[in-house]
Amino acid sequence: MASEKQEQVNARNAQLSSGPISPEGKAVVSRNAVKHGIFAKDLVINAGDGREDALEYHNLLAELVKDLVPVGRMEMLLVEKIAVNYWRLRRLVRYETGEIRVRLDDFRNTALQSYYSSSYNSRQRPELKYYSYNDEIPDTEYQEQLYKVASMMNSDFNLAEDKAALEYVLYARLDREETEFCDKDYKAAKKYVAGLSPQLLGKLRKEMLEEAEQMLVEMDEVRSWSVKFDRIQKSKSLPEALNLVKIIKYENSLERSIFRNLAALKTLQEHRAKTCNPNDDLLELPASGG
């Protein structure tokens, strides 16, 4: 028989224990307090695309058992009913998220098609060559493009001295595909520009200006729709009205059930405390008068 001192040491060691650390050990422990889990088998979806993790439910129930400390079958049943309703609330949140995803998935393309096919809008949807509607164009990039177009329209614009113009020559005329150019490349572009006749030089400048202006038009289009997309996305961040009403009603029903079961559990536990019988296992709630 252990001495009093040894029992004290054992108690301290038990408090230091962190329990099992392996998944298998945790699974066993999580079920230790769930001997009366009569709903688990039918509650948890254990097959198919909507499969749920039974261990997560058992862990939830075990934590509630730890917090609420039920004694006897009736108290344990009430605690499990609370766990079942919390599990249903989790599903409800998952359902709500799915409803919002359905509304938001592909909403950009749907919004564009709806806008450009509307009889109220006579202009055609422009074809985007350099950008897409999913691009984000920062203000700095947009301002740079505005400056580029303004510079090319200036009569003093010199192709041989403009870095962006030389890069256009390297890409469009000298078929260079590098992402970065060195001094040698820029010298080759300047040499190409210097060898052009005034007529060809004017043609090149016009070609560059048309591309720069097209890019600016596309930037305006994409940036304007970015604002529309943001507004549409915010407006669709809740389920549709009918589904939202059902979600709220179901959530309220689950919460009422949780509070009813908590109240019933408290009544049983208070009655057990008054009778001073820790093993009292009433199958019915005590009468309100006694």
Protein backbone atom coordinates (compact mmCIF):
# COMPACT_ATOMS: atom_id res chain seq x y z
CA MET A 1 0.00 0.00 0.00
CA ALA A 2 1.41 3.40 -0.99
CA SER A 3 2.39 5.76 1.80
CA GLU A 4 0.80 9.20 2.23
CA LYS A 5 3.99 10.81 0.92
CA GLN A 6 4.02 8.56 -2.15
CA GLU A 7 0.37 9.36 -2.85
CA GLN A 8 1.19 13.08 -2.79
CA VAL A 9 4.03 12.53 -5.27
CA ASN A 10 1.75 10.51 -7.55
CA ALA A 11 -0.87 13.27 -7.46
CA ARG A 12 1.72 15.89 -8.44
CA ASN A 13 3.02 13.71 -11.26
CA ALA A 14 -0.50 13.19 -12.56
CA GLN A 15 -1.01 16.94 -12.78
CA LEU A 16 2.16 17.25 -14.86
CA SER A 17 1.02 14.63 -17.35
CA SER A 18 0.02 16.04 -20.75
CA GLY A 19 -1.74 12.87 -21.77
CA PRO A 20 -1.16 10.85 -24.95
CA ILE A 21 0.54 12.61 -27.84
CA SER A 22 0.00 10.11 -30.67
CA PRO A 23 -3.18 10.30 -32.81
CA GLU A 24 -4.09 6.78 -31.74
CA GLY A 25 -3.69 7.62 -28.05
CA LYS A 26 -5.70 10.81 -28.38
CA ALA A 27 -8.47 8.90 -30.16
CA VAL A 28 -8.69 6.40 -27.30
CA VAL A 29 -8.74 9.10 -24.63
CA SER A 30 -11.32 11.15 -26.49
CA ARG A 31 -13.69 8.21 -26.28
CA ASN A 32 -13.13 7.50 -22.59
CA ALA A 33 -15.80 10.00 -21.57
CA VAL A 34 -18.13 9.15 -24.43
CA LYS A 35 -19.39 5.76 -23.32
CA HIS A 36 -22.96 6.99 -23.61
CA GLY A 37 -22.53 8.56 -27.08
CA ILE A 38 -25.73 7.07 -28.42
CA PHE A 39 -26.12 9.71 -31.16
CA ALA A 40 -22.59 9.51 -32.59
CA LYS A 41 -23.19 6.57 -34.90
CA ASP A 42 -26.13 8.18 -36.71
CA LEU A 43 -25.02 11.81 -36.40
CA VAL A 44 -21.59 11.81 -38.04
CA ILE A 45 -21.52 11.37 -41.82
CA ASN A 46 -18.87 8.69 -42.30
CA ALA A 47 -18.90 8.16 -46.08
CA GLY A 48 -19.19 10.04 -49.36
CA ASP A 49 -18.16 13.55 -50.39
CA GLY A 50 -19.61 15.08 -47.23
CA ARG A 51 -17.71 12.76 -44.92
CA GLU A 52 -17.08 14.16 -41.43
CA ASP A 53 -14.39 13.37 -38.88
CA ALA A 54 -15.91 11.27 -36.10
CA LEU A 55 -12.92 12.00 -33.88
CA GLU A 56 -13.74 15.73 -33.99
CA TYR A 57 -17.24 15.03 -32.73
CA HIS A 58 -15.93 12.74 -29.98
CA ASN A 59 -13.43 15.42 -28.96
CA LEU A 60 -16.24 18.00 -28.81
CA LEU A 61 -18.35 15.69 -26.65
CA ALA A 62 -15.39 14.85 -24.42
CA GLU A 63 -14.68 18.57 -23.86
CA LEU A 64 -18.32 19.22 -22.98
CA VAL A 65 -18.28 16.29 -20.57
CA LYS A 66 -15.15 17.75 -18.98
CA ASP A 67 -16.76 21.20 -18.65
CA LEU A 68 -20.28 20.15 -17.57
CA VAL A 69 -19.34 17.09 -15.44
CA PRO A 70 -22.49 14.99 -15.95
CA VAL A 71 -23.30 12.15 -13.56
CA GLY A 72 -25.53 9.29 -14.60
CA ARG A 73 -27.30 8.43 -17.80
CA MET A 74 -29.78 11.32 -17.85
CA GLU A 75 -27.18 14.05 -17.36
CA MET A 76 -24.91 12.40 -19.92
CA LEU A 77 -27.81 12.29 -22.38
CA LEU A 78 -28.43 16.01 -21.96
CA VAL A 79 -24.75 16.78 -22.50
CA GLU A 80 -24.70 14.74 -25.68
CA LYS A 81 -27.82 16.52 -26.96
CA ILE A 82 -25.90 19.77 -26.45
CA ALA A 83 -22.95 18.32 -28.39
CA VAL A 84 -25.29 17.24 -31.20
CA ASN A 85 -26.68 20.75 -31.52
CA TYR A 86 -23.22 22.30 -31.57
CA TRP A 87 -22.29 19.84 -34.32
CA ARG A 88 -25.37 20.93 -36.25
CA LEU A 89 -24.38 24.57 -35.76
CA ARG A 90 -21.03 23.73 -37.30
CA ARG A 91 -22.80 22.25 -40.30
CA LEU A 92 -24.96 25.37 -40.52
CA VAL A 93 -21.87 27.58 -40.74
CA ARG A 94 -20.49 25.27 -43.43
CA TYR A 95 -23.78 25.51 -45.33
CA GLU A 96 -23.79 29.30 -45.08
CA THR A 97 -20.21 29.43 -46.40
CA GLY A 98 -21.21 27.18 -49.30
CA GLU A 99 -24.19 29.39 -50.14
CA ILE A 100 -21.95 32.46 -50.27
CA ARG A 101 -19.39 30.61 -52.41
CA VAL A 102 -22.12 29.67 -54.90
CA ARG A 103 -23.07 33.34 -55.17
CA LEU A 104 -19.50 34.51 -55.55
CA ASP A 105 -17.98 31.80 -57.75
CA ASP A 106 -17.56 33.12 -61.28
CA PHE A 107 -19.50 36.26 -60.34
CA ARG A 108 -17.10 38.44 -62.35
CA ASN A 109 -17.80 36.68 -65.62
CA THR A 110 -21.52 36.57 -64.89
CA ALA A 111 -21.57 40.30 -64.12
CA LEU A 112 -19.71 41.12 -67.35
CA GLN A 113 -21.98 38.98 -69.50
CA SER A 114 -25.08 40.47 -67.88
CA TYR A 115 -23.81 44.01 -68.37
CA TYR A 116 -22.75 43.71 -71.98
CA SER A 117 -25.79 41.69 -73.09
CA SER A 118 -28.22 44.14 -71.51
CA SER A 119 -30.51 46.02 -73.89
CA TYR A 120 -29.87 49.13 -71.81
CA ASN A 121 -26.22 49.13 -72.81
CA SER A 122 -25.62 49.75 -76.49
CA ARG A 123 -21.83 49.61 -76.59
CA GLN A 124 -20.10 46.30 -77.16
CA ARG A 125 -17.78 44.66 -74.70
CA PRO A 126 -14.23 45.66 -75.75
CA GLU A 127 -11.72 42.96 -76.53
CA LEU A 128 -8.83 43.14 -74.10
CA LYS A 129 -5.48 42.46 -75.73
CA TYR A 130 -3.06 43.45 -72.99
CA TYR A 131 -5.08 43.01 -69.80
CA SER A 132 -7.83 40.86 -68.32
CA TYR A 133 -10.69 41.81 -66.03
CA ASN A 134 -9.01 39.96 -63.17
CA ASP A 135 -5.90 42.16 -63.33
CA GLU A 136 -5.21 44.67 -60.59
CA ILE A 137 -3.70 47.86 -61.97
CA PRO A 138 -2.14 50.04 -59.27
CA ASP A 139 -2.28 53.81 -59.48
CA THR A 140 1.48 54.07 -60.13
CA GLU A 141 1.24 51.85 -63.22
CA TYR A 142 -1.77 53.79 -64.49
CA GLN A 143 -0.05 57.15 -63.98
CA GLU A 144 3.05 55.89 -65.81
CA GLN A 145 0.92 54.94 -68.79
CA LEU A 146 -0.77 58.35 -68.79
CA TYR A 147 2.66 60.00 -68.83
CA LYS A 148 3.84 57.70 -71.63
CA VAL A 149 0.89 58.58 -73.88
CA ALA A 150 1.27 62.29 -73.16
CA SER A 151 4.99 62.12 -73.96
CA MET A 152 4.43 60.36 -77.29
CA MET A 153 1.88 62.98 -78.31
CA ASN A 154 4.39 65.76 -77.66
CA SER A 155 6.08 67.10 -80.82
CA ASP A 156 9.46 67.03 -79.05
CA PHE A 157 9.25 63.30 -78.36
CA ASN A 158 12.53 61.58 -79.31
CA LEU A 159 12.31 57.82 -79.80
CA ALA A 160 16.06 57.38 -79.51
CA GLU A 161 16.13 58.95 -76.03
CA ASP A 162 13.05 57.28 -74.53
CA LYS A 163 13.73 53.98 -72.73
CA ALA A 164 10.18 52.65 -73.15
CA ALA A 165 10.28 53.47 -76.87
CA LEU A 166 13.58 51.64 -77.28
CA GLU A 167 12.18 48.62 -75.49
CA TYR A 168 9.20 48.67 -77.87
CA VAL A 169 11.66 48.62 -80.78
CA LEU A 170 13.50 45.68 -79.22
CA TYR A 171 10.30 43.69 -78.73
CA ALA A 172 8.32 44.65 -81.86
CA ARG A 173 11.00 45.28 -84.46
CA LEU A 174 14.13 43.41 -83.36
CA ASP A 175 12.24 40.38 -81.96
CA ARG A 176 14.05 40.39 -78.63
CA GLU A 177 12.32 38.36 -75.93
CA GLU A 178 14.43 39.16 -72.88
CA THR A 179 12.72 40.44 -69.76
CA GLU A 180 15.65 42.73 -69.03
CA PHE A 181 17.89 44.52 -71.51
CA CYS A 182 21.52 45.60 -71.24
CA ASP A 183 23.33 48.62 -72.68
CA LYS A 184 24.21 46.63 -75.77
CA ASP A 185 20.52 46.05 -76.51
CA TYR A 186 19.61 49.72 -76.11
CA LYS A 187 22.48 50.69 -78.42
CA ALA A 188 21.14 48.26 -81.04
CA ALA A 189 17.67 49.83 -80.74
CA LYS A 190 19.10 53.36 -81.10
CA LYS A 191 21.01 52.27 -84.16
CA TYR A 192 17.81 50.83 -85.66
CA VAL A 193 15.90 54.08 -85.00
CA ALA A 194 18.74 56.20 -86.43
CA GLY A 195 18.60 54.22 -89.69
CA LEU A 196 14.89 54.88 -90.32
CA SER A 197 13.69 57.42 -92.86
CA PRO A 198 11.45 60.25 -91.57
CA GLN A 199 8.46 58.47 -93.07
CA LEU A 200 9.26 55.15 -91.36
CA LEU A 201 10.10 56.98 -88.17
CA GLY A 202 6.67 58.63 -88.21
CA LYS A 203 5.03 55.27 -88.89
CA LEU A 204 6.87 53.69 -85.93
CA ARG A 205 5.87 56.54 -83.65
CA LYS A 206 2.22 56.24 -84.70
CA GLU A 207 2.31 52.49 -84.13
CA MET A 208 3.76 52.95 -80.64
CA LEU A 209 1.22 55.66 -79.77
CA GLU A 210 -1.71 53.49 -80.89
CA GLU A 211 -0.50 50.63 -78.69
CA ALA A 212 0.05 52.93 -75.69
CA GLU A 213 -3.42 54.45 -76.13
CA GLN A 214 -5.01 51.00 -76.45
CA MET A 215 -3.31 49.91 -73.23
CA LEU A 216 -4.63 53.06 -71.51
CA VAL A 217 -8.17 52.36 -72.73
CA GLU A 218 -7.94 48.82 -71.39
CA MET A 219 -6.56 50.10 -68.09
CA ASP A 220 -9.55 52.43 -67.72
CA GLU A 221 -11.94 49.59 -68.50
CA VAL A 222 -10.34 47.14 -66.08
CA ARG A 223 -10.02 49.70 -63.29
CA SER A 224 -13.65 50.81 -63.64
CA TRP A 225 -14.82 47.20 -63.45
CA SER A 226 -12.60 46.59 -60.44
CA VAL A 227 -14.79 49.07 -58.55
CA LYS A 228 -17.96 47.34 -59.83
CA PHE A 229 -16.59 43.91 -58.89
CA ASP A 230 -15.84 45.08 -55.37
CA ARG A 231 -19.38 46.40 -54.98
CA ILE A 232 -20.94 43.24 -56.39
CA GLN A 233 -18.79 41.01 -54.20
CA LYS A 234 -19.81 42.86 -51.06
CA SER A 235 -23.49 42.68 -52.03
CA LYS A 236 -23.22 38.90 -52.46
CA SER A 237 -21.42 38.23 -49.18
CA LEU A 238 -24.61 36.85 -47.63
CA PRO A 239 -26.85 33.98 -48.76
CA GLU A 240 -29.95 34.86 -50.75
CA ALA A 241 -32.81 36.26 -48.70
CA LEU A 242 -34.90 33.07 -48.51
CA ASN A 243 -31.94 30.92 -47.55
CA LEU A 244 -30.79 33.52 -45.03
CA VAL A 245 -34.18 33.39 -43.31
CA LYS A 246 -33.97 29.60 -43.09
CA ILE A 247 -30.43 29.81 -41.71
CA ILE A 248 -31.45 32.28 -39.00
CA LYS A 249 -34.51 30.24 -38.00
CA TYR A 250 -32.49 27.01 -37.82
CA GLU A 251 -29.72 28.70 -35.84
CA ASN A 252 -32.23 30.12 -33.35
CA SER A 253 -33.83 26.70 -32.99
CA LEU A 254 -30.49 25.04 -32.25
CA GLU A 255 -29.49 27.70 -29.74
CA ARG A 256 -32.84 27.41 -27.92
CA SER A 257 -32.34 23.65 -27.73
CA ILE A 258 -28.83 24.10 -26.32
CA PHE A 259 -30.08 26.48 -23.60
CA ARG A 260 -33.04 24.20 -22.76
CA ASN A 261 -30.73 21.23 -22.31
CA LEU A 262 -28.30 23.30 -20.25
CA ALA A 263 -31.16 24.43 -18.02
CA ALA A 264 -32.41 20.85 -17.62
CA LEU A 265 -28.89 19.67 -16.80
CA LYS A 266 -28.49 22.42 -14.20
CA THR A 267 -31.83 21.43 -12.61
CA LEU A 268 -30.77 17.79 -12.35
CA GLN A 269 -27.38 18.69 -10.92
CA GLU A 270 -28.90 21.06 -8.35
CA HIS A 271 -31.38 18.38 -7.29
CA ARG A 272 -28.58 15.85 -6.96
CA ALA A 273 -26.58 18.29 -4.85
CA LYS A 274 -29.55 18.84 -2.53
CA THR A 275 -30.14 15.12 -2.06
CA CYS A 276 -26.38 14.62 -1.41
CA ASN A 277 -26.45 11.51 -3.56
CA PRO A 278 -23.60 11.65 -6.13
CA ASN A 279 -24.85 8.49 -7.79
CA ASP A 280 -28.42 9.74 -8.30
CA ASP A 281 -29.43 8.73 -11.82
CA LEU A 282 -32.91 10.14 -12.30
CA LEU A 283 -34.54 9.31 -15.59
CA GLU A 284 -37.02 12.16 -15.21
CA LEU A 285 -36.62 15.77 -14.18
CA PRO A 286 -37.69 16.42 -10.59
CA ALA A 287 -41.04 18.07 -10.05
CA SER A 288 -40.85 21.85 -9.80
CA GLY A 289 -42.26 21.81 -6.26
CA GLY A 290 -39.89 19.26 -4.79
